[in-house]
C-alpha atoms as a PDB file:
ATOM      1  CA  ARG A   1      64.879  27.687  50.393  1.00  0.00           C
ATOM      2  CA  SER A   2      62.969  30.513  48.780  1.00  0.00           C
ATOM      3  CA  PHE A   3      61.266  31.550  51.801  1.00  0.00           C
ATOM      4  CA  ALA A   4      64.673  31.549  53.504  1.00  0.00           C
ATOM      5  CA  LEU A   5      66.102  33.861  50.587  1.00  0.00           C
ATOM      6  CA  LEU A   6      62.963  35.980  50.553  1.00  0.00           C
ATOM      7  CA  MET A   7      63.430  36.537  54.734  1.00  0.00           C
ATOM      8  CA  VAL A   8      67.104  37.456  53.956  1.00  0.00           C
ATOM      9  CA  ILE A   9      66.283  40.042  51.156  1.00  0.00           C
ATOM     10  CA  VAL A  10      63.483  41.613  53.553  1.00  0.00           C
ATOM     11  CA  LEU A  11      65.699  41.881  56.720  1.00  0.00           C
ATOM     12  CA  PHE A  12      68.621  43.331  54.687  1.00  0.00           C
ATOM     13  CA  ASN A  13      66.265  45.943  53.091  1.00  0.00           C
ATOM     14  CA  PHE A  14      64.696  46.821  56.435  1.00  0.00           C
ATOM     15  CA  CYS A  15      68.231  47.036  58.019  1.00  0.00           C
ATOM     16  CA  SER A  16      69.272  48.994  55.208  1.00  0.00           C
ATOM     17  CA  LYS A  17      66.489  51.393  55.053  1.00  0.00           C
ATOM     18  CA  GLU A  18      66.808  52.147  59.034  1.00  0.00           C
ATOM     19  CA  ASP A  19      70.752  53.082  58.332  1.00  0.00           C
ATOM     20  CA  ASP A  20      69.931  55.088  55.401  1.00  0.00           C
ATOM     21  CA  ASP A  21      67.670  57.130  57.972  1.00  0.00           C
ATOM     22  CA  CYS A  22      70.646  57.939  60.201  1.00  0.00           C
ATOM     23  CA  VAL A  23      72.734  60.814  58.356  1.00  0.00           C
ATOM     24  CA  PRO A  24      76.143  61.188  60.166  1.00  0.00           C
ATOM     25  CA  ILE A  25      76.495  64.678  61.304  1.00  0.00           C
ATOM     26  CA  VAL A  26      80.273  66.597  61.427  1.00  0.00           C
ATOM     27  CA  CYS A  27      81.269  67.076  65.015  1.00  0.00           C
ATOM     28  CA  LYS A  28      82.912  70.412  66.194  1.00  0.00           C
ATOM     29  CA  ASN A  29      85.451  71.190  68.742  1.00  0.00           C
ATOM     30  CA  LYS A  30      86.765  67.855  68.718  1.00  0.00           C
ATOM     31  CA  GLY A  31      83.597  65.697  69.103  1.00  0.00           C
ATOM     32  CA  VAL A  32      83.678  62.316  68.069  1.00  0.00           C
ATOM     33  CA  SER A  33      80.925  60.532  66.291  1.00  0.00           C
ATOM     34  CA  ASN A  34      78.844  57.740  68.011  1.00  0.00           C
ATOM     35  CA  GLU A  35      77.143  54.774  66.581  1.00  0.00           C
ATOM     36  CA  VAL A  36      73.747  56.787  66.972  1.00  0.00           C
ATOM     37  CA  CYS A  37      74.561  59.193  64.346  1.00  0.00           C
ATOM     38  CA  GLY A  38      75.272  61.842  67.012  1.00  0.00           C
ATOM     39  CA  CYS A  39      78.478  63.009  68.813  1.00  0.00           C
ATOM     40  CA  ASP A  40      80.113  62.472  72.056  1.00  0.00           C
ATOM     41  CA  CYS A  41      81.479  65.948  72.935  1.00  0.00           C
ATOM     42  CA  PRO A  42      84.590  66.786  74.876  1.00  0.00           C
ATOM     43  CA  PRO A  43      84.191  68.760  78.476  1.00  0.00           C
ATOM     44  CA  GLY A  44      83.109  72.303  77.844  1.00  0.00           C
ATOM     45  CA  TYR A  45      80.724  71.495  74.804  1.00  0.00           C
ATOM     46  CA  SER A  46      77.328  70.119  74.131  1.00  0.00           C
ATOM     47  CA  GLY A  47      74.734  69.921  71.452  1.00  0.00           C
ATOM     48  CA  THR A  48      74.088  67.372  68.915  1.00  0.00           C
ATOM     49  CA  ASP A  49      77.283  68.819  66.906  1.00  0.00           C
ATOM     50  CA  CYS A  50      79.317  70.004  69.705  1.00  0.00           C
ATOM     51  CA  SER A  51      78.969  73.536  68.726  1.00  0.00           C
ATOM     52  CA  THR A  52      77.378  74.909  72.060  1.00  0.00           C
ATOM     53  CA  LYS A  53      79.966  76.013  74.732  1.00  0.00           C
ATOM     54  CA  VAL A  54      79.239  74.996  78.513  1.00  0.00           C
ATOM     55  CA  PRO A  55      80.642  77.338  81.223  1.00  0.00           C
ATOM     56  CA  PRO A  56      82.838  75.225  83.607  1.00  0.00           C
ATOM     57  CA  ALA A  57      81.671  74.175  86.887  1.00  0.00           C
ATOM     58  CA  ARG A  58      84.916  75.472  88.503  1.00  0.00           C
ATOM     59  CA  ILE A  59      88.106  77.267  87.774  1.00  0.00           C
ATOM     60  CA  ILE A  60      91.223  76.207  89.628  1.00  0.00           C
ATOM     61  CA  ILE A  61      94.042  78.456  89.926  1.00  0.00           C
ATOM     62  CA  ASN A  62      97.382  76.526  90.092  1.00  0.00           C
ATOM     63  CA  LYS A  63      99.983  79.485  89.944  1.00  0.00           C
ATOM     64  CA  ILE A  64      99.842  83.195  90.381  1.00  0.00           C
ATOM     65  CA  LYS A  65     102.780  85.125  88.448  1.00  0.00           C
ATOM     66  CA  ILE A  66     103.342  89.051  89.149  1.00  0.00           C
ATOM     67  CA  THR A  67     104.191  90.292  85.605  1.00  0.00           C
ATOM     68  CA  GLY A  68     104.394  94.147  86.514  1.00  0.00           C
ATOM     69  CA  PHE A  69     104.510  96.617  89.341  1.00  0.00           C
ATOM     70  CA  PRO A  70     105.567 100.036  89.828  1.00  0.00           C
ATOM     71  CA  ASN A  71     109.215 100.389  91.097  1.00  0.00           C
ATOM     72  CA  ASN A  72     108.404 103.811  93.104  1.00  0.00           C
ATOM     73  CA  LYS A  73     105.376 105.163  94.684  1.00  0.00           C
ATOM     74  CA  GLU A  74     103.323 107.552  92.963  1.00  0.00           C
ATOM     75  CA  ASP A  75     105.047 110.763  94.408  1.00  0.00           C
ATOM     76  CA  GLY A  76     108.186 109.165  92.962  1.00  0.00           C
ATOM     77  CA  SER A  77     109.822 108.180  96.082  1.00  0.00           C
ATOM     78  CA  THR A  78     111.219 104.746  96.709  1.00  0.00           C
ATOM     79  CA  TRP A  79     109.080 101.997  98.775  1.00  0.00           C
ATOM     80  CA  ASP A  80     111.720 101.396 101.157  1.00  0.00           C
ATOM     81  CA  ILE A  81     113.571 104.485 102.555  1.00  0.00           C
ATOM     82  CA  VAL A  82     115.637 102.783 105.157  1.00  0.00           C
ATOM     83  CA  GLY A  83     118.774 100.807 104.659  1.00  0.00           C
ATOM     84  CA  ALA A  84     121.315 100.951 101.738  1.00  0.00           C
ATOM     85  CA  ALA A  85     120.394 102.221  98.407  1.00  0.00           C
ATOM     86  CA  LEU A  86     120.341  98.909  96.913  1.00  0.00           C
ATOM     87  CA  ASP A  87     117.641  98.000  99.425  1.00  0.00           C
ATOM     88  CA  ARG A  88     115.015 100.703  98.441  1.00  0.00           C
ATOM     89  CA  ASN A  89     112.765  98.381  96.124  1.00  0.00           C
ATOM     90  CA  PRO A  90     109.754  96.912  97.344  1.00  0.00           C
ATOM     91  CA  ASP A  91     109.243  93.496  99.327  1.00  0.00           C
ATOM     92  CA  VAL A  92     106.523  92.271  97.192  1.00  0.00           C
ATOM     93  CA  TRP A  93     103.438  90.466  99.133  1.00  0.00           C
ATOM     94  CA  ILE A  94      99.991  89.592  97.619  1.00  0.00           C
ATOM     95  CA  ILE A  95      96.759  88.847  98.753  1.00  0.00           C
ATOM     96  CA  LEU A  96      93.775  86.962  96.536  1.00  0.00           C
ATOM     97  CA  ASN A  97      90.220  87.251  98.176  1.00  0.00           C
ATOM     98  CA  GLU A  98      86.512  87.162  97.323  1.00  0.00           C
ATOM     99  CA  ASN A  99      85.497  89.849  99.940  1.00  0.00           C
ATOM    100  CA  THR A 100      86.861  91.560 103.005  1.00  0.00           C
ATOM    101  CA  VAL A 101      84.741  89.401 105.313  1.00  0.00           C
ATOM    102  CA  ASP A 102      85.812  86.030 104.497  1.00  0.00           C
ATOM    103  CA  PRO A 103      89.591  84.859 105.115  1.00  0.00           C
ATOM    104  CA  PRO A 104      91.664  85.517 102.133  1.00  0.00           C
ATOM    105  CA  LEU A 105      91.675  82.616  99.396  1.00  0.00           C
ATOM    106  CA  PHE A 106      95.786  83.183  99.203  1.00  0.00           C
ATOM    107  CA  VAL A 107      98.147  85.298 101.048  1.00  0.00           C
ATOM    108  CA  SER A 108     101.798  84.963  99.732  1.00  0.00           C
ATOM    109  CA  GLN A 109     105.058  85.146 101.632  1.00  0.00           C
ATOM    110  CA  PRO A 110     107.069  88.494 101.140  1.00  0.00           C
ATOM    111  CA  VAL A 111     109.520  88.441  98.053  1.00  0.00           C
ATOM    112  CA  TYR A 112     112.268  90.948  99.343  1.00  0.00           C
ATOM    113  CA  ASN A 113     113.939  93.695  97.360  1.00  0.00           C
ATOM    114  CA  ILE A 114     112.574  93.159  94.019  1.00  0.00           C
ATOM    115  CA  SER A 115     112.579  95.445  91.083  1.00  0.00           C
ATOM    116  CA  SER A 116     110.195  95.222  88.031  1.00  0.00           C
ATOM    117  CA  VAL A 117     113.067  96.037  85.502  1.00  0.00           C
ATOM    118  CA  ASP A 118     114.850  92.939  86.563  1.00  0.00           C
ATOM    119  CA  GLY A 119     113.133  90.983  83.988  1.00  0.00           C
ATOM    120  CA  GLU A 120     112.449  88.302  86.611  1.00  0.00           C
ATOM    121  CA  TYR A 121     108.818  87.579  87.506  1.00  0.00           C
ATOM    122  CA  ILE A 122     107.607  86.226  90.535  1.00  0.00           C
ATOM    123  CA  PHE A 123     105.816  82.920  90.597  1.00  0.00           C
ATOM    124  CA  TYR A 124     103.806  81.793  93.299  1.00  0.00           C
ATOM    125  CA  GLU A 125     102.999  77.904  92.826  1.00  0.00           C
ATOM    126  CA  MET A 126      99.756  76.939  94.828  1.00  0.00           C
ATOM    127  CA  GLU A 127     100.604  74.051  97.256  1.00  0.00           C
ATOM    128  CA  THR A 128      96.997  73.619  97.339  1.00  0.00           C
ATOM    129  CA  PRO A 129      95.309  75.032  94.143  1.00  0.00           C
ATOM    130  CA  ILE A 130      92.748  77.571  94.721  1.00  0.00           C
ATOM    131  CA  VAL A 131      89.271  76.466  93.673  1.00  0.00           C
ATOM    132  CA  ILE A 132      86.826  79.010  92.522  1.00  0.00           C
ATOM    133  CA  SER A 133      83.235  77.586  92.436  1.00  0.00           C
ATOM    134  CA  ASP A 134      81.221  80.458  91.715  1.00  0.00           C
ATOM    135  CA  ILE A 135      82.926  81.479  88.617  1.00  0.00           C
ATOM    136  CA  ASN A 136      80.896  84.539  88.076  1.00  0.00           C
ATOM    137  CA  LYS A 137      81.971  86.248  91.591  1.00  0.00           C
ATOM    138  CA  VAL A 138      84.307  89.294  91.678  1.00  0.00           C
ATOM    139  CA  LEU A 139      87.678  88.531  93.132  1.00  0.00           C
ATOM    140  CA  HIS A 140      90.305  90.697  94.469  1.00  0.00           C
ATOM    141  CA  LEU A 141      94.105  90.512  93.625  1.00  0.00           C
ATOM    142  CA  TYR A 142      95.892  93.276  95.636  1.00  0.00           C
ATOM    143  CA  MET A 143      99.688  93.988  95.928  1.00  0.00           C
ATOM    144  CA  PHE A 144     101.710  95.361  98.765  1.00  0.00           C
ATOM    145  CA  ASP A 145     105.134  96.523  99.583  1.00  0.00           C
ATOM    146  CA  TYR A 146     105.602  94.558 102.900  1.00  0.00           C
ATOM    147  CA  ASP A 147     107.186  96.137 105.640  1.00  0.00           C
ATOM    148  CA  THR A 148     106.520  94.515 108.920  1.00  0.00           C
ATOM    149  CA  ALA A 149     103.567  92.362 109.701  1.00  0.00           C
ATOM    150  CA  ASP A 150     101.820  95.319 110.895  1.00  0.00           C
ATOM    151  CA  SER A 151     103.000  97.730 108.302  1.00  0.00           C
ATOM    152  CA  TYR A 152     102.741  97.621 104.672  1.00  0.00           C
ATOM    153  CA  ASP A 153     101.894  99.895 101.598  1.00  0.00           C
ATOM    154  CA  TYR A 154      99.389  99.454  99.134  1.00  0.00           C
ATOM    155  CA  MET A 155     100.912  99.249  95.454  1.00  0.00           C
ATOM    156  CA  GLY A 156      97.790  98.251  93.363  1.00  0.00           C
ATOM    157  CA  GLY A 157      95.620  95.751  92.440  1.00  0.00           C
ATOM    158  CA  TRP A 158      92.691  94.620  90.716  1.00  0.00           C
ATOM    159  CA  ASP A 159      89.009  93.455  91.221  1.00  0.00           C
ATOM    160  CA  PHE A 160      88.081  91.271  88.519  1.00  0.00           C
ATOM    161  CA  LYS A 161      85.754  88.324  87.227  1.00  0.00           C
ATOM    162  CA  ILE A 162      87.595  85.047  86.591  1.00  0.00           C
ATOM    163  CA  PHE A 163      85.483  83.935  83.916  1.00  0.00           C
ATOM    164  CA  ASN A 164      84.146  86.139  80.997  1.00  0.00           C
ATOM    165  CA  GLU A 165      80.549  84.532  79.971  1.00  0.00           C
ATOM    166  CA  ASN A 166      80.448  86.740  76.770  1.00  0.00           C
ATOM    167  CA  ASN A 167      83.098  85.074  74.888  1.00  0.00           C
ATOM    168  CA  MET A 168      83.497  81.900  76.838  1.00  0.00           C
ATOM    169  CA  ILE A 169      87.375  81.828  75.801  1.00  0.00           C
ATOM    170  CA  LEU A 170      88.981  79.408  78.156  1.00  0.00           C
ATOM    171  CA  SER A 171      92.513  80.554  78.128  1.00  0.00           C
ATOM    172  CA  LYS A 172      95.109  78.395  80.381  1.00  0.00           C
ATOM    173  CA  VAL A 173      96.596  81.562  81.275  1.00  0.00           C
ATOM    174  CA  ILE A 174      94.439  84.718  82.352  1.00  0.00           C
ATOM    175  CA  SER A 175      95.943  88.282  82.433  1.00  0.00           C
ATOM    176  CA  ILE A 176      94.990  90.796  84.936  1.00  0.00           C
ATOM    177  CA  GLY A 177      95.893  94.288  84.564  1.00  0.00           C
ATOM    178  CA  SER A 178      97.351  96.207  81.449  1.00  0.00           C
ATOM    179  CA  GLY A 179      99.625  99.345  80.971  1.00  0.00           C
ATOM    180  CA  SER A 180     103.121 100.178  82.146  1.00  0.00           C
ATOM    181  CA  GLY A 181     103.976 100.766  85.836  1.00  0.00           C
ATOM    182  CA  VAL A 182     101.069  99.178  86.990  1.00  0.00           C
ATOM    183  CA  VAL A 183     100.362  96.138  89.037  1.00  0.00           C
ATOM    184  CA  LYS A 184      99.668  93.180  86.800  1.00  0.00           C
ATOM    185  CA  PHE A 185      99.481  89.492  87.035  1.00  0.00           C
ATOM    186  CA  GLU A 186      98.958  86.030  85.065  1.00  0.00           C
ATOM    187  CA  LEU A 187      96.979  83.471  86.737  1.00  0.00           C
ATOM    188  CA  GLN A 188      97.513  79.765  85.313  1.00  0.00           C
ATOM    189  CA  VAL A 189      94.300  78.065  85.458  1.00  0.00           C
ATOM    190  CA  SER A 190      92.553  74.751  84.753  1.00  0.00           C
ATOM    191  CA  TYR A 191      88.865  74.038  84.329  1.00  0.00           C
ATOM    192  CA  GLU A 192      86.609  71.378  85.429  1.00  0.00           C
ATOM    193  CA  TRP A 193      82.924  70.624  84.300  1.00  0.00           C
END
């Protein structure tokens, strides 16, 4: 009986000592402590305490929103000069591509006779989300005044990187462009690791 008691005390001390060696850490960025005194990190984070940001493997564009464009050409003339005065606003059409050689990633249908002062912004919901696998590649998003299938005027656009490796801020909305009277967009995105 004393031998059994001695074994229980030894085992208890051995287990307690091993448990004492495990110092729990505080998990950051919504990481969850696990049973081996580490952290199970959410997507986008790694490290012993989940403090290291990990870039996404892919960025998915789910929606493109036009948030601004010039109502007139640079010389002050209207985009469309044919027809009634109420039909002189641009017929907005956008293209998103990675380069000028491959087919575009997205080509919108024209939205006719739209004014940027209406306060109504144009949304393009992607039937098939656009998956960007090379998140460091420069993309090109351009807007045109659509006149006919063979005739359109360049309204403006941006060359941009969808991912900023310097600050690693992963917003659900990425703004492209700034200022008044210029072409501006918002991309609604999601991320995959």
